[in-house]
mmCIF file of all heavy atoms, coordinates in Angstrom:
data_MODEL
# 
_entry.id   MODEL 
# 
loop_
_atom_site.group_PDB 
_atom_site.id 
_atom_site.type_symbol 
_atom_site.label_atom_id 
_atom_site.label_alt_id 
_atom_site.label_comp_id 
_atom_site.label_asym_id 
_atom_site.label_entity_id 
_atom_site.label_seq_id 
_atom_site.pdbx_PDB_ins_code 
_atom_site.Cartn_x 
_atom_site.Cartn_y 
_atom_site.Cartn_z 
_atom_site.occupancy 
_atom_site.B_iso_or_equiv 
_atom_site.pdbx_formal_charge 
_atom_site.auth_seq_id 
_atom_site.auth_comp_id 
_atom_site.auth_asym_id 
_atom_site.auth_atom_id 
_atom_site.pdbx_PDB_model_num 
ATOM 1   N N   . GLU A 1 1  ? 97.739  94.665  100.272 1.00 0.00 ? 1  GLU A N   1 
ATOM 2   C CA  . GLU A 1 1  ? 98.050  95.787  99.339  1.00 0.00 ? 1  GLU A CA  1 
ATOM 3   C C   . GLU A 1 1  ? 98.272  95.323  97.881  1.00 0.00 ? 1  GLU A C   1 
ATOM 4   O O   . GLU A 1 1  ? 98.989  94.279  97.759  1.00 0.00 ? 1  GLU A O   1 
ATOM 5   C CB  . GLU A 1 1  ? 99.230  96.601  99.808  1.00 0.00 ? 1  GLU A CB  1 
ATOM 6   C CG  . GLU A 1 1  ? 99.755  97.665  98.919  1.00 0.00 ? 1  GLU A CG  1 
ATOM 7   C CD  . GLU A 1 1  ? 100.973 98.196  99.432  1.00 0.00 ? 1  GLU A CD  1 
ATOM 8   O OE1 . GLU A 1 1  ? 101.722 97.597  100.182 1.00 0.00 ? 1  GLU A OE1 1 
ATOM 9   O OE2 . GLU A 1 1  ? 101.378 99.354  99.023  1.00 0.00 ? 1  GLU A OE2 1 
ATOM 10  N N   . PHE A 1 2  ? 97.701  95.923  96.902  1.00 0.00 ? 2  PHE A N   1 
ATOM 11  C CA  . PHE A 1 2  ? 97.842  95.545  95.569  1.00 0.00 ? 2  PHE A CA  1 
ATOM 12  C C   . PHE A 1 2  ? 99.276  95.944  95.141  1.00 0.00 ? 2  PHE A C   1 
ATOM 13  O O   . PHE A 1 2  ? 99.778  97.001  95.530  1.00 0.00 ? 2  PHE A O   1 
ATOM 14  C CB  . PHE A 1 2  ? 96.930  96.420  94.662  1.00 0.00 ? 2  PHE A CB  1 
ATOM 15  C CG  . PHE A 1 2  ? 97.151  96.118  93.152  1.00 0.00 ? 2  PHE A CG  1 
ATOM 16  C CD1 . PHE A 1 2  ? 96.842  95.018  92.558  1.00 0.00 ? 2  PHE A CD1 1 
ATOM 17  C CD2 . PHE A 1 2  ? 97.625  97.374  92.426  1.00 0.00 ? 2  PHE A CD2 1 
ATOM 18  C CE1 . PHE A 1 2  ? 97.101  94.864  91.249  1.00 0.00 ? 2  PHE A CE1 1 
ATOM 19  C CE2 . PHE A 1 2  ? 97.893  97.231  91.143  1.00 0.00 ? 2  PHE A CE2 1 
ATOM 20  C CZ  . PHE A 1 2  ? 97.654  95.879  90.479  1.00 0.00 ? 2  PHE A CZ  1 
ATOM 21  N N   . VAL A 1 3  ? 99.970  95.050  94.358  1.00 0.00 ? 3  VAL A N   1 
ATOM 22  C CA  . VAL A 1 3  ? 101.189 95.315  93.802  1.00 0.00 ? 3  VAL A CA  1 
ATOM 23  C C   . VAL A 1 3  ? 101.328 95.513  92.278  1.00 0.00 ? 3  VAL A C   1 
ATOM 24  O O   . VAL A 1 3  ? 101.660 96.509  91.731  1.00 0.00 ? 3  VAL A O   1 
ATOM 25  C CB  . VAL A 1 3  ? 102.178 94.103  94.079  1.00 0.00 ? 3  VAL A CB  1 
ATOM 26  C CG1 . VAL A 1 3  ? 103.595 94.312  93.455  1.00 0.00 ? 3  VAL A CG1 1 
ATOM 27  C CG2 . VAL A 1 3  ? 102.344 93.932  95.646  1.00 0.00 ? 3  VAL A CG2 1 
ATOM 28  N N   . ALA A 1 4  ? 100.678 94.456  91.531  1.00 0.00 ? 4  ALA A N   1 
ATOM 29  C CA  . ALA A 1 4  ? 100.747 94.538  90.083  1.00 0.00 ? 4  ALA A CA  1 
ATOM 30  C C   . ALA A 1 4  ? 99.741  93.506  89.678  1.00 0.00 ? 4  ALA A C   1 
ATOM 31  O O   . ALA A 1 4  ? 99.428  92.554  90.363  1.00 0.00 ? 4  ALA A O   1 
ATOM 32  C CB  . ALA A 1 4  ? 102.090 94.262  89.485  1.00 0.00 ? 4  ALA A CB  1 
ATOM 33  N N   . ALA A 1 5  ? 99.416  93.563  88.339  1.00 0.00 ? 5  ALA A N   1 
ATOM 34  C CA  . ALA A 1 5  ? 98.423  92.551  87.792  1.00 0.00 ? 5  ALA A CA  1 
ATOM 35  C C   . ALA A 1 5  ? 98.698  92.551  86.318  1.00 0.00 ? 5  ALA A C   1 
ATOM 36  O O   . ALA A 1 5  ? 99.093  93.422  85.662  1.00 0.00 ? 5  ALA A O   1 
ATOM 37  C CB  . ALA A 1 5  ? 96.946  92.946  88.067  1.00 0.00 ? 5  ALA A CB  1 
ATOM 38  N N   . PHE A 1 6  ? 98.403  91.384  85.720  1.00 0.00 ? 6  PHE A N   1 
ATOM 39  C CA  . PHE A 1 6  ? 98.420  91.162  84.389  1.00 0.00 ? 6  PHE A CA  1 
ATOM 40  C C   . PHE A 1 6  ? 96.927  90.604  83.898  1.00 0.00 ? 6  PHE A C   1 
ATOM 41  O O   . PHE A 1 6  ? 96.499  89.722  84.499  1.00 0.00 ? 6  PHE A O   1 
ATOM 42  C CB  . PHE A 1 6  ? 99.481  90.149  83.884  1.00 0.00 ? 6  PHE A CB  1 
ATOM 43  C CG  . PHE A 1 6  ? 99.319  89.579  82.530  1.00 0.00 ? 6  PHE A CG  1 
ATOM 44  C CD1 . PHE A 1 6  ? 99.626  90.328  81.287  1.00 0.00 ? 6  PHE A CD1 1 
ATOM 45  C CD2 . PHE A 1 6  ? 98.692  88.299  82.180  1.00 0.00 ? 6  PHE A CD2 1 
ATOM 46  C CE1 . PHE A 1 6  ? 99.436  89.844  80.080  1.00 0.00 ? 6  PHE A CE1 1 
ATOM 47  C CE2 . PHE A 1 6  ? 98.508  87.848  81.025  1.00 0.00 ? 6  PHE A CE2 1 
ATOM 48  C CZ  . PHE A 1 6  ? 98.923  88.570  79.904  1.00 0.00 ? 6  PHE A CZ  1 
ATOM 49  N N   . ALA A 1 7  ? 96.413  91.220  82.967  1.00 0.00 ? 7  ALA A N   1 
ATOM 50  C CA  . ALA A 1 7  ? 95.140  90.828  82.367  1.00 0.00 ? 7  ALA A CA  1 
ATOM 51  C C   . ALA A 1 7  ? 95.306  90.362  80.949  1.00 0.00 ? 7  ALA A C   1 
ATOM 52  O O   . ALA A 1 7  ? 95.970  91.045  80.109  1.00 0.00 ? 7  ALA A O   1 
ATOM 53  C CB  . ALA A 1 7  ? 94.200  91.971  82.256  1.00 0.00 ? 7  ALA A CB  1 
ATOM 54  N N   . SER A 1 8  ? 95.001  89.014  80.654  1.00 0.00 ? 8  SER A N   1 
ATOM 55  C CA  . SER A 1 8  ? 95.205  88.494  79.388  1.00 0.00 ? 8  SER A CA  1 
ATOM 56  C C   . SER A 1 8  ? 94.417  89.061  78.252  1.00 0.00 ? 8  SER A C   1 
ATOM 57  O O   . SER A 1 8  ? 94.970  89.197  77.133  1.00 0.00 ? 8  SER A O   1 
ATOM 58  C CB  . SER A 1 8  ? 94.962  86.994  79.442  1.00 0.00 ? 8  SER A CB  1 
ATOM 59  O OG  . SER A 1 8  ? 93.549  86.717  79.641  1.00 0.00 ? 8  SER A OG  1 
ATOM 60  N N   . SER A 1 9  ? 93.233  89.561  78.626  1.00 0.00 ? 9  SER A N   1 
ATOM 61  C CA  . SER A 1 9  ? 92.368  90.371  77.610  1.00 0.00 ? 9  SER A CA  1 
ATOM 62  C C   . SER A 1 9  ? 93.061  91.621  77.328  1.00 0.00 ? 9  SER A C   1 
ATOM 63  O O   . SER A 1 9  ? 93.124  92.536  78.268  1.00 0.00 ? 9  SER A O   1 
ATOM 64  C CB  . SER A 1 9  ? 90.861  90.422  78.149  1.00 0.00 ? 9  SER A CB  1 
ATOM 65  O OG  . SER A 1 9  ? 90.193  91.132  77.246  1.00 0.00 ? 9  SER A OG  1 
ATOM 66  N N   . GLY A 1 10 ? 93.488  91.816  76.284  1.00 0.00 ? 10 GLY A N   1 
ATOM 67  C CA  . GLY A 1 10 ? 94.268  93.065  75.805  1.00 0.00 ? 10 GLY A CA  1 
ATOM 68  C C   . GLY A 1 10 ? 95.622  93.065  76.139  1.00 0.00 ? 10 GLY A C   1 
ATOM 69  O O   . GLY A 1 10 ? 96.413  94.000  75.903  1.00 0.00 ? 10 GLY A O   1 
ATOM 70  N N   . ILE A 1 11 ? 96.179  91.967  76.768  1.00 0.00 ? 11 ILE A N   1 
ATOM 71  C CA  . ILE A 1 11 ? 97.503  91.884  77.265  1.00 0.00 ? 11 ILE A CA  1 
ATOM 72  C C   . ILE A 1 11 ? 98.034  93.170  78.126  1.00 0.00 ? 11 ILE A C   1 
ATOM 73  O O   . ILE A 1 11 ? 98.809  93.995  77.532  1.00 0.00 ? 11 ILE A O   1 
ATOM 74  C CB  . ILE A 1 11 ? 98.488  91.610  76.068  1.00 0.00 ? 11 ILE A CB  1 
ATOM 75  C CG1 . ILE A 1 11 ? 98.008  90.698  75.108  1.00 0.00 ? 11 ILE A CG1 1 
ATOM 76  C CG2 . ILE A 1 11 ? 99.809  91.260  76.565  1.00 0.00 ? 11 ILE A CG2 1 
ATOM 77  C CD1 . ILE A 1 11 ? 97.726  89.278  75.784  1.00 0.00 ? 11 ILE A CD1 1 
ATOM 78  N N   . ARG A 1 12 ? 97.214  93.375  78.995  1.00 0.00 ? 12 ARG A N   1 
ATOM 79  C CA  . ARG A 1 12 ? 97.377  94.669  79.935  1.00 0.00 ? 12 ARG A CA  1 
ATOM 80  C C   . ARG A 1 12 ? 98.228  94.403  81.106  1.00 0.00 ? 12 ARG A C   1 
ATOM 81  O O   . ARG A 1 12 ? 98.076  93.396  81.825  1.00 0.00 ? 12 ARG A O   1 
ATOM 82  C CB  . ARG A 1 12 ? 96.062  95.262  80.283  1.00 0.00 ? 12 ARG A CB  1 
ATOM 83  C CG  . ARG A 1 12 ? 95.316  95.745  79.036  1.00 0.00 ? 12 ARG A CG  1 
ATOM 84  C CD  . ARG A 1 12 ? 93.995  96.143  79.445  1.00 0.00 ? 12 ARG A CD  1 
ATOM 85  N NE  . ARG A 1 12 ? 93.208  94.914  79.776  1.00 0.00 ? 12 ARG A NE  1 
ATOM 86  C CZ  . ARG A 1 12 ? 92.257  94.796  80.754  1.00 0.00 ? 12 ARG A CZ  1 
ATOM 87  N NH1 . ARG A 1 12 ? 91.904  95.819  81.475  1.00 0.00 ? 12 ARG A NH1 1 
ATOM 88  N NH2 . ARG A 1 12 ? 91.504  93.661  80.862  1.00 0.00 ? 12 ARG A NH2 1 
ATOM 89  N N   . PHE A 1 13 ? 99.027  95.255  81.605  1.00 0.00 ? 13 PHE A N   1 
ATOM 90  C CA  . PHE A 1 13 ? 99.786  95.316  82.828  1.00 0.00 ? 13 PHE A CA  1 
ATOM 91  C C   . PHE A 1 13 ? 99.392  96.586  83.680  1.00 0.00 ? 13 PHE A C   1 
ATOM 92  O O   . PHE A 1 13 ? 99.417  97.637  83.131  1.00 0.00 ? 13 PHE A O   1 
ATOM 93  C CB  . PHE A 1 13 ? 101.243 95.297  82.532  1.00 0.00 ? 13 PHE A CB  1 
ATOM 94  C CG  . PHE A 1 13 ? 101.752 94.159  81.706  1.00 0.00 ? 13 PHE A CG  1 
ATOM 95  C CD1 . PHE A 1 13 ? 101.780 94.149  80.347  1.00 0.00 ? 13 PHE A CD1 1 
ATOM 96  C CD2 . PHE A 1 13 ? 102.287 93.069  82.388  1.00 0.00 ? 13 PHE A CD2 1 
ATOM 97  C CE1 . PHE A 1 13 ? 102.066 93.019  79.651  1.00 0.00 ? 13 PHE A CE1 1 
ATOM 98  C CE2 . PHE A 1 13 ? 102.659 91.935  81.583  1.00 0.00 ? 13 PHE A CE2 1 
ATOM 99  C CZ  . PHE A 1 13 ? 102.633 92.009  80.245  1.00 0.00 ? 13 PHE A CZ  1 
ATOM 100 N N   . VAL A 1 14 ? 99.293  96.267  84.834  1.00 0.00 ? 14 VAL A N   1 
ATOM 101 C CA  . VAL A 1 14 ? 98.919  97.429  85.808  1.00 0.00 ? 14 VAL A CA  1 
ATOM 102 C C   . VAL A 1 14 ? 99.729  97.298  87.087  1.00 0.00 ? 14 VAL A C   1 
ATOM 103 O O   . VAL A 1 14 ? 99.886  96.141  87.644  1.00 0.00 ? 14 VAL A O   1 
ATOM 104 C CB  . VAL A 1 14 ? 97.385  97.277  86.244  1.00 0.00 ? 14 VAL A CB  1 
ATOM 105 C CG1 . VAL A 1 14 ? 97.032  98.412  87.241  1.00 0.00 ? 14 VAL A CG1 1 
ATOM 106 C CG2 . VAL A 1 14 ? 96.465  97.376  85.006  1.00 0.00 ? 14 VAL A CG2 1 
ATOM 107 N N   . TYR A 1 15 ? 100.176 98.436  87.506  1.00 0.00 ? 15 TYR A N   1 
ATOM 108 C CA  . TYR A 1 15 ? 101.041 98.498  88.713  1.00 0.00 ? 15 TYR A CA  1 
ATOM 109 C C   . TYR A 1 15 ? 100.497 99.495  89.680  1.00 0.00 ? 15 TYR A C   1 
ATOM 110 O O   . TYR A 1 15 ? 100.019 100.445 89.315  1.00 0.00 ? 15 TYR A O   1 
ATOM 111 C CB  . TYR A 1 15 ? 102.519 98.898  88.259  1.00 0.00 ? 15 TYR A CB  1 
ATOM 112 C CG  . TYR A 1 15 ? 103.133 98.044  87.393  1.00 0.00 ? 15 TYR A CG  1 
ATOM 113 C CD1 . TYR A 1 15 ? 103.058 98.123  86.009  1.00 0.00 ? 15 TYR A CD1 1 
ATOM 114 C CD2 . TYR A 1 15 ? 103.993 96.919  87.877  1.00 0.00 ? 15 TYR A CD2 1 
ATOM 115 C CE1 . TYR A 1 15 ? 103.660 97.130  85.145  1.00 0.00 ? 15 TYR A CE1 1 
ATOM 116 C CE2 . TYR A 1 15 ? 104.693 96.049  87.049  1.00 0.00 ? 15 TYR A CE2 1 
ATOM 117 C CZ  . TYR A 1 15 ? 104.486 96.141  85.606  1.00 0.00 ? 15 TYR A CZ  1 
ATOM 118 O OH  . TYR A 1 15 ? 105.161 95.341  84.855  1.00 0.00 ? 15 TYR A OH  1 
ATOM 119 N N   . ALA A 1 16 ? 100.837 99.261  90.895  1.00 0.00 ? 16 ALA A N   1 
ATOM 120 C CA  . ALA A 1 16 ? 100.635 100.199 91.946  1.00 0.00 ? 16 ALA A CA  1 
ATOM 121 C C   . ALA A 1 16 ? 101.427 101.409 91.740  1.00 0.00 ? 16 ALA A C   1 
ATOM 122 O O   . ALA A 1 16 ? 102.647 101.265 91.385  1.00 0.00 ? 16 ALA A O   1 
ATOM 123 C CB  . ALA A 1 16 ? 100.783 99.618  93.349  1.00 0.00 ? 16 ALA A CB  1 
ATOM 124 N N   . ASP A 1 17 ? 100.829 102.512 92.005  1.00 0.00 ? 17 ASP A N   1 
ATOM 125 C CA  . ASP A 1 17 ? 101.598 103.793 91.557  1.00 0.00 ? 17 ASP A CA  1 
ATOM 126 C C   . ASP A 1 17 ? 102.812 103.863 92.380  1.00 0.00 ? 17 ASP A C   1 
ATOM 127 O O   . ASP A 1 17 ? 103.912 104.344 91.844  1.00 0.00 ? 17 ASP A O   1 
ATOM 128 C CB  . ASP A 1 17 ? 100.695 104.989 91.952  1.00 0.00 ? 17 ASP A CB  1 
ATOM 129 C CG  . ASP A 1 17 ? 99.506  105.097 90.934  1.00 0.00 ? 17 ASP A CG  1 
ATOM 130 O OD1 . ASP A 1 17 ? 99.596  104.582 89.787  1.00 0.00 ? 17 ASP A OD1 1 
ATOM 131 O OD2 . ASP A 1 17 ? 98.575  105.801 91.325  1.00 0.00 ? 17 ASP A OD2 1 
ATOM 132 N N   . SER A 1 18 ? 102.946 103.506 93.567  1.00 0.00 ? 18 SER A N   1 
ATOM 133 C CA  . SER A 1 18 ? 104.142 103.584 94.423  1.00 0.00 ? 18 SER A CA  1 
ATOM 134 C C   . SER A 1 18 ? 105.158 102.617 94.142  1.00 0.00 ? 18 SER A C   1 
ATOM 135 O O   . SER A 1 18 ? 106.328 102.825 94.519  1.00 0.00 ? 18 SER A O   1 
ATOM 136 C CB  . SER A 1 18 ? 103.692 103.455 95.948  1.00 0.00 ? 18 SER A CB  1 
ATOM 137 O OG  . SER A 1 18 ? 103.213 102.106 96.134  1.00 0.00 ? 18 SER A OG  1 
ATOM 138 N N   . LEU A 1 19 ? 104.882 101.647 93.203  1.00 0.00 ? 19 LEU A N   1 
ATOM 139 C CA  . LEU A 1 19 ? 105.876 100.618 92.895  1.00 0.00 ? 19 LEU A CA  1 
ATOM 140 C C   . LEU A 1 19 ? 106.210 100.531 91.452  1.00 0.00 ? 19 LEU A C   1 
ATOM 141 O O   . LEU A 1 19 ? 107.265 99.888  91.140  1.00 0.00 ? 19 LEU A O   1 
ATOM 142 C CB  . LEU A 1 19 ? 105.291 99.228  93.260  1.00 0.00 ? 19 LEU A CB  1 
ATOM 143 C CG  . LEU A 1 19 ? 104.833 98.987  94.765  1.00 0.00 ? 19 LEU A CG  1 
ATOM 144 C CD1 . LEU A 1 19 ? 104.241 97.682  94.851  1.00 0.00 ? 19 LEU A CD1 1 
ATOM 145 C CD2 . LEU A 1 19 ? 106.010 99.141  95.659  1.00 0.00 ? 19 LEU A CD2 1 
ATOM 146 N N   . ARG A 1 20 ? 105.477 101.333 90.783  1.00 0.00 ? 20 ARG A N   1 
ATOM 147 C CA  . ARG A 1 20 ? 105.862 101.412 89.243  1.00 0.00 ? 20 ARG A CA  1 
ATOM 148 C C   . ARG A 1 20 ? 107.250 101.935 89.024  1.00 0.00 ? 20 ARG A C   1 
ATOM 149 O O   . ARG A 1 20 ? 107.786 102.869 89.648  1.00 0.00 ? 20 ARG A O   1 
ATOM 150 C CB  . ARG A 1 20 ? 105.045 102.371 88.464  1.00 0.00 ? 20 ARG A CB  1 
ATOM 151 C CG  . ARG A 1 20 ? 105.147 102.353 86.979  1.00 0.00 ? 20 ARG A CG  1 
ATOM 152 C CD  . ARG A 1 20 ? 104.157 103.218 86.406  1.00 0.00 ? 20 ARG A CD  1 
ATOM 153 N NE  . ARG A 1 20 ? 102.731 102.756 86.545  1.00 0.00 ? 20 ARG A NE  1 
ATOM 154 C CZ  . ARG A 1 20 ? 101.775 103.310 87.258  1.00 0.00 ? 20 ARG A CZ  1 
ATOM 155 N NH1 . ARG A 1 20 ? 102.144 104.406 88.024  1.00 0.00 ? 20 ARG A NH1 1 
ATOM 156 N NH2 . ARG A 1 20 ? 100.637 102.827 87.407  1.00 0.00 ? 20 ARG A NH2 1 
ATOM 157 N N   . GLY A 1 21 ? 108.063 101.156 88.283  1.00 0.00 ? 21 GLY A N   1 
ATOM 158 C CA  . GLY A 1 21 ? 109.457 101.419 88.007  1.00 0.00 ? 21 GLY A CA  1 
ATOM 159 C C   . GLY A 1 21 ? 110.373 100.484 88.715  1.00 0.00 ? 21 GLY A C   1 
ATOM 160 O O   . GLY A 1 21 ? 111.627 100.460 88.353  1.00 0.00 ? 21 GLY A O   1 
ATOM 161 N N   . ARG A 1 22 ? 109.956 100.042 89.846  1.00 0.00 ? 22 ARG A N   1 
ATOM 162 C CA  . ARG A 1 22 ? 110.808 99.031  90.549  1.00 0.00 ? 22 ARG A CA  1 
ATOM 163 C C   . ARG A 1 22 ? 110.350 97.501  90.446  1.00 0.00 ? 22 ARG A C   1 
ATOM 164 O O   . ARG A 1 22 ? 111.184 96.758  90.380  1.00 0.00 ? 22 ARG A O   1 
ATOM 165 C CB  . ARG A 1 22 ? 110.894 99.349  92.146  1.00 0.00 ? 22 ARG A CB  1 
ATOM 166 C CG  . ARG A 1 22 ? 111.427 100.696 92.465  1.00 0.00 ? 22 ARG A CG  1 
ATOM 167 C CD  . ARG A 1 22 ? 111.738 100.738 93.923  1.00 0.00 ? 22 ARG A CD  1 
ATOM 168 N NE  . ARG A 1 22 ? 110.548 100.749 94.694  1.00 0.00 ? 22 ARG A NE  1 
ATOM 169 C CZ  . ARG A 1 22 ? 110.244 99.813  95.579  1.00 0.00 ? 22 ARG A CZ  1 
ATOM 170 N NH1 . ARG A 1 22 ? 111.164 98.796  95.883  1.00 0.00 ? 22 ARG A NH1 1 
ATOM 171 N NH2 . ARG A 1 22 ? 109.203 99.964  96.361  1.00 0.00 ? 22 ARG A NH2 1 
ATOM 172 N N   . PHE A 1 23 ? 109.099 97.421  90.252  1.00 0.00 ? 23 PHE A N   1 
ATOM 173 C CA  . PHE A 1 23 ? 108.517 96.028  90.120  1.00 0.00 ? 23 PHE A CA  1 
ATOM 174 C C   . PHE A 1 23 ? 108.035 95.830  88.735  1.00 0.00 ? 23 PHE A C   1 
ATOM 175 O O   . PHE A 1 23 ? 107.441 96.724  88.012  1.00 0.00 ? 23 PHE A O   1 
ATOM 176 C CB  . PHE A 1 23 ? 107.349 95.882  91.122  1.00 0.00 ? 23 PHE A CB  1 
ATOM 177 C CG  . PHE A 1 23 ? 107.764 95.646  92.467  1.00 0.00 ? 23 PHE A CG  1 
ATOM 178 C CD1 . PHE A 1 23 ? 108.986 96.179  93.024  1.00 0.00 ? 23 PHE A CD1 1 
ATOM 179 C CD2 . PHE A 1 23 ? 106.833 95.153  93.404  1.00 0.00 ? 23 PHE A CD2 1 
ATOM 180 C CE1 . PHE A 1 23 ? 109.341 95.926  94.339  1.00 0.00 ? 23 PHE A CE1 1 
ATOM 181 C CE2 . PHE A 1 23 ? 107.145 95.046  94.702  1.00 0.00 ? 23 PHE A CE2 1 
ATOM 182 C CZ  . PHE A 1 23 ? 108.333 95.509  95.180  1.00 0.00 ? 23 PHE A CZ  1 
ATOM 183 N N   . THR A 1 24 ? 108.220 94.625  88.176  1.00 0.00 ? 24 THR A N   1 
ATOM 184 C CA  . THR A 1 24 ? 107.802 94.240  86.829  1.00 0.00 ? 24 THR A CA  1 
ATOM 185 C C   . THR A 1 24 ? 107.226 92.845  86.880  1.00 0.00 ? 24 THR A C   1 
ATOM 186 O O   . THR A 1 24 ? 107.812 91.953  87.404  1.00 0.00 ? 24 THR A O   1 
ATOM 187 C CB  . THR A 1 24 ? 109.024 94.263  85.801  1.00 0.00 ? 24 THR A CB  1 
ATOM 188 O OG1 . THR A 1 24 ? 109.662 95.636  85.905  1.00 0.00 ? 24 THR A OG1 1 
ATOM 189 C CG2 . THR A 1 24 ? 108.634 94.027  84.451  1.00 0.00 ? 24 THR A CG2 1 
ATOM 190 N N   . ILE A 1 25 ? 106.034 92.801  86.146  1.00 0.00 ? 25 ILE A N   1 
ATOM 191 C CA  . ILE A 1 25 ? 105.386 91.529  86.091  1.00 0.00 ? 25 ILE A CA  1 
ATOM 192 C C   . ILE A 1 25 ? 105.730 90.795  84.651  1.00 0.00 ? 25 ILE A C   1 
ATOM 193 O O   . ILE A 1 25 ? 105.666 91.729  83.644  1.00 0.00 ? 25 ILE A O   1 
ATOM 194 C CB  . ILE A 1 25 ? 103.877 91.490  86.417  1.00 0.00 ? 25 ILE A CB  1 
ATOM 195 C CG1 . ILE A 1 25 ? 103.148 92.544  85.595  1.00 0.00 ? 25 ILE A CG1 1 
ATOM 196 C CG2 . ILE A 1 25 ? 103.811 91.797  87.935  1.00 0.00 ? 25 ILE A CG2 1 
ATOM 197 C CD1 . ILE A 1 25 ? 101.773 92.599  85.812  1.00 0.00 ? 25 ILE A CD1 1 
ATOM 198 N N   . SER A 1 26 ? 105.654 89.640  84.517  1.00 0.00 ? 26 SER A N   1 
ATOM 199 C CA  . SER A 1 26 ? 105.765 88.949  83.259  1.00 0.00 ? 26 SER A CA  1 
ATOM 200 C C   . SER A 1 26 ? 105.183 87.515  83.321  1.00 0.00 ? 26 SER A C   1 
ATOM 201 O O   . SER A 1 26 ? 104.705 87.056  84.498  1.00 0.00 ? 26 SER A O   1 
ATOM 202 C CB  . SER A 1 26 ? 107.188 88.906  82.831  1.00 0.00 ? 26 SER A CB  1 
ATOM 203 O OG  . SER A 1 26 ? 107.983 88.134  83.644  1.00 0.00 ? 26 SER A OG  1 
# 
């Protein structure tokens, strides 16, 4: 299951809808 991702191009952060707000990537 996908949790979260960071893409260096554009400095983008993506989170699974069900986890957004509880999980943070850095």
